[in-house]
């Protein structure tokens, strides 16, 4: 099966002309043209409504901004935490030798030391 050639188109036009008559043929063509225009308008409108690219870009910008904000908050909290004095391991071992107890290393004995 090939494409429709000129002889086939002529036969189709003659059949349409005989079915609808010469007076009704222009009305049918106008109606068909209006239908095609309306269909194209509706598809273009739907495409513009479904165009998600600008929304995607806005969403990406918002997410990247939120990520940067969280990074900055973490950096600030790390910097603040680094400024606090931290007891060294040596001072902990000095405390255990002062009391005469040996360092056991388990959490229960460490909790008792803190009391």
C-alpha atoms as a PDB file:
ATOM      1  CA  UNK A   1       0.000   0.000   0.000  1.00  0.00           C
ATOM      2  CA  UNK A   2       1.452   3.262  -1.084  1.00  0.00           C
ATOM      3  CA  UNK A   3       0.527   6.849  -0.500  1.00  0.00           C
ATOM      4  CA  UNK A   4      -2.588   8.432  -1.984  1.00  0.00           C
ATOM      5  CA  UNK A   5      -1.869   9.743  -5.461  1.00  0.00           C
ATOM      6  CA  UNK A   6      -3.615  12.284  -7.653  1.00  0.00           C
ATOM      7  CA  UNK A   7      -6.066   9.835  -9.295  1.00  0.00           C
ATOM      8  CA  UNK A   8      -7.257   8.632  -5.883  1.00  0.00           C
ATOM      9  CA  UNK A   9      -7.764  12.208  -4.671  1.00  0.00           C
ATOM     10  CA  UNK A  10      -9.849  13.022  -7.750  1.00  0.00           C
ATOM     11  CA  UNK A  11     -12.075   9.987  -7.149  1.00  0.00           C
ATOM     12  CA  UNK A  12     -12.540  10.958  -3.462  1.00  0.00           C
ATOM     13  CA  UNK A  13     -13.456  14.538  -4.445  1.00  0.00           C
ATOM     14  CA  UNK A  14     -16.011  13.317  -6.988  1.00  0.00           C
ATOM     15  CA  UNK A  15     -17.634  10.998  -4.423  1.00  0.00           C
ATOM     16  CA  UNK A  16     -17.840  13.840  -1.861  1.00  0.00           C
ATOM     17  CA  UNK A  17     -19.287  16.187  -4.485  1.00  0.00           C
ATOM     18  CA  UNK A  18     -21.946  13.642  -5.447  1.00  0.00           C
ATOM     19  CA  UNK A  19     -22.862  12.907  -1.809  1.00  0.00           C
ATOM     20  CA  UNK A  20     -23.151  16.477  -0.529  1.00  0.00           C
ATOM     21  CA  UNK A  21     -23.775  18.562  -3.627  1.00  0.00           C
ATOM     22  CA  UNK A  22     -22.083  21.718  -4.839  1.00  0.00           C
ATOM     23  CA  UNK A  23     -24.090  24.044  -2.542  1.00  0.00           C
ATOM     24  CA  UNK A  24     -23.157  22.247   0.683  1.00  0.00           C
ATOM     25  CA  UNK A  25     -19.498  21.655  -0.139  1.00  0.00           C
ATOM     26  CA  UNK A  26     -18.289  25.189   0.855  1.00  0.00           C
ATOM     27  CA  UNK A  27     -20.156  24.916   4.179  1.00  0.00           C
ATOM     28  CA  UNK A  28     -18.450  21.605   4.912  1.00  0.00           C
ATOM     29  CA  UNK A  29     -15.035  23.057   4.059  1.00  0.00           C
ATOM     30  CA  UNK A  30     -15.641  26.046   6.370  1.00  0.00           C
ATOM     31  CA  UNK A  31     -16.716  23.787   9.201  1.00  0.00           C
ATOM     32  CA  UNK A  32     -13.717  21.551   8.682  1.00  0.00           C
ATOM     33  CA  UNK A  33     -11.391  24.577   8.703  1.00  0.00           C
ATOM     34  CA  UNK A  34     -12.938  25.905  11.936  1.00  0.00           C
ATOM     35  CA  UNK A  35     -12.592  22.483  13.539  1.00  0.00           C
ATOM     36  CA  UNK A  36      -8.927  22.228  12.599  1.00  0.00           C
ATOM     37  CA  UNK A  37      -8.231  25.774  13.892  1.00  0.00           C
ATOM     38  CA  UNK A  38      -9.992  25.019  17.189  1.00  0.00           C
ATOM     39  CA  UNK A  39      -8.025  21.803  17.582  1.00  0.00           C
ATOM     40  CA  UNK A  40      -4.705  23.595  16.970  1.00  0.00           C
ATOM     41  CA  UNK A  41      -5.651  26.336  19.437  1.00  0.00           C
ATOM     42  CA  UNK A  42      -6.553  23.790  22.099  1.00  0.00           C
ATOM     43  CA  UNK A  43      -3.332  21.823  21.624  1.00  0.00           C
ATOM     44  CA  UNK A  44      -1.223  24.996  21.814  1.00  0.00           C
ATOM     45  CA  UNK A  45      -3.067  26.083  24.961  1.00  0.00           C
ATOM     46  CA  UNK A  46      -2.490  22.683  26.523  1.00  0.00           C
ATOM     47  CA  UNK A  47       1.206  22.782  25.608  1.00  0.00           C
ATOM     48  CA  UNK A  48       1.607  26.194  27.249  1.00  0.00           C
ATOM     49  CA  UNK A  49      -0.158  24.984  30.406  1.00  0.00           C
ATOM     50  CA  UNK A  50       2.000  21.886  30.563  1.00  0.00           C
ATOM     51  CA  UNK A  51       5.242  23.752  29.946  1.00  0.00           C
ATOM     52  CA  UNK A  52       6.990  22.772  33.161  1.00  0.00           C
ATOM     53  CA  UNK A  53      10.477  23.992  32.280  1.00  0.00           C
ATOM     54  CA  UNK A  54      10.119  27.403  34.000  1.00  0.00           C
ATOM     55  CA  UNK A  55       8.583  25.732  37.054  1.00  0.00           C
ATOM     56  CA  UNK A  56      11.398  23.202  37.165  1.00  0.00           C
ATOM     57  CA  UNK A  57      14.022  25.959  37.041  1.00  0.00           C
ATOM     58  CA  UNK A  58      12.310  27.868  39.864  1.00  0.00           C
ATOM     59  CA  UNK A  59      12.093  24.693  41.928  1.00  0.00           C
ATOM     60  CA  UNK A  60      15.799  23.946  41.370  1.00  0.00           C
ATOM     61  CA  UNK A  61      16.752  27.482  42.441  1.00  0.00           C
ATOM     62  CA  UNK A  62      14.668  27.184  45.601  1.00  0.00           C
ATOM     63  CA  UNK A  63      16.152  23.796  46.487  1.00  0.00           C
ATOM     64  CA  UNK A  64      19.708  24.993  45.855  1.00  0.00           C
ATOM     65  CA  UNK A  65      19.053  28.021  48.056  1.00  0.00           C
ATOM     66  CA  UNK A  66      17.756  25.785  50.840  1.00  0.00           C
ATOM     67  CA  UNK A  67      20.785  23.518  50.524  1.00  0.00           C
ATOM     68  CA  UNK A  68      23.150  26.500  50.717  1.00  0.00           C
ATOM     69  CA  UNK A  69      21.293  27.782  53.783  1.00  0.00           C
ATOM     70  CA  UNK A  70      21.654  24.415  55.531  1.00  0.00           C
ATOM     71  CA  UNK A  71      25.369  24.289  54.620  1.00  0.00           C
ATOM     72  CA  UNK A  72      25.899  27.750  56.082  1.00  0.00           C
ATOM     73  CA  UNK A  73      24.037  26.813  59.263  1.00  0.00           C
ATOM     74  CA  UNK A  74      26.170  23.691  59.631  1.00  0.00           C
ATOM     75  CA  UNK A  75      29.381  25.633  59.024  1.00  0.00           C
ATOM     76  CA  UNK A  76      28.376  28.199  61.657  1.00  0.00           C
ATOM     77  CA  UNK A  77      27.507  25.533  64.202  1.00  0.00           C
ATOM     78  CA  UNK A  78      30.822  23.753  63.567  1.00  0.00           C
ATOM     79  CA  UNK A  79      32.716  27.025  64.005  1.00  0.00           C
ATOM     80  CA  UNK A  80      30.853  27.816  67.215  1.00  0.00           C
ATOM     81  CA  UNK A  81      31.479  24.291  68.485  1.00  0.00           C
ATOM     82  CA  UNK A  82      35.207  24.582  67.727  1.00  0.00           C
ATOM     83  CA  UNK A  83      35.449  27.745  69.848  1.00  0.00           C
ATOM     84  CA  UNK A  84      34.180  25.970  72.979  1.00  0.00           C
ATOM     85  CA  UNK A  85      36.933  24.605  75.220  1.00  0.00           C
ATOM     86  CA  UNK A  86      37.186  20.855  74.995  1.00  0.00           C
ATOM     87  CA  UNK A  87      38.564  18.748  77.839  1.00  0.00           C
ATOM     88  CA  UNK A  88      41.537  16.870  76.584  1.00  0.00           C
ATOM     89  CA  UNK A  89      42.086  13.172  77.089  1.00  0.00           C
ATOM     90  CA  UNK A  90      45.101  13.918  79.305  1.00  0.00           C
ATOM     91  CA  UNK A  91      42.995  15.921  81.742  1.00  0.00           C
ATOM     92  CA  UNK A  92      40.493  13.045  81.959  1.00  0.00           C
ATOM     93  CA  UNK A  93      43.268  10.600  82.857  1.00  0.00           C
ATOM     94  CA  UNK A  94      44.615  13.084  85.413  1.00  0.00           C
ATOM     95  CA  UNK A  95      41.189  13.206  87.065  1.00  0.00           C
ATOM     96  CA  UNK A  96      41.051   9.424  87.420  1.00  0.00           C
ATOM     97  CA  UNK A  97      44.533   9.266  88.930  1.00  0.00           C
ATOM     98  CA  UNK A  98      43.622  11.987  91.418  1.00  0.00           C
ATOM     99  CA  UNK A  99      40.761   9.965  92.812  1.00  0.00           C
ATOM    100  CA  UNK A 100      42.817   6.783  92.935  1.00  0.00           C
ATOM    101  CA  UNK A 101      40.494   4.856  90.598  1.00  0.00           C
ATOM    102  CA  UNK A 102      41.614   3.198  87.382  1.00  0.00           C
ATOM    103  CA  UNK A 103      39.974   4.167  84.138  1.00  0.00           C
ATOM    104  CA  UNK A 104      37.631   1.351  83.124  1.00  0.00           C
ATOM    105  CA  UNK A 105      36.408   2.681  79.781  1.00  0.00           C
ATOM    106  CA  UNK A 106      32.765   1.633  80.102  1.00  0.00           C
ATOM    107  CA  UNK A 107      29.915   4.121  80.177  1.00  0.00           C
ATOM    108  CA  UNK A 108      28.507   3.120  83.582  1.00  0.00           C
ATOM    109  CA  UNK A 109      31.697   3.903  85.474  1.00  0.00           C
ATOM    110  CA  UNK A 110      32.130   7.131  83.485  1.00  0.00           C
ATOM    111  CA  UNK A 111      28.617   8.200  84.498  1.00  0.00           C
ATOM    112  CA  UNK A 112      29.412   7.529  88.159  1.00  0.00           C
ATOM    113  CA  UNK A 113      32.553   9.664  87.850  1.00  0.00           C
ATOM    114  CA  UNK A 114      30.457  12.551  86.526  1.00  0.00           C
ATOM    115  CA  UNK A 115      28.246  12.510  89.627  1.00  0.00           C
END
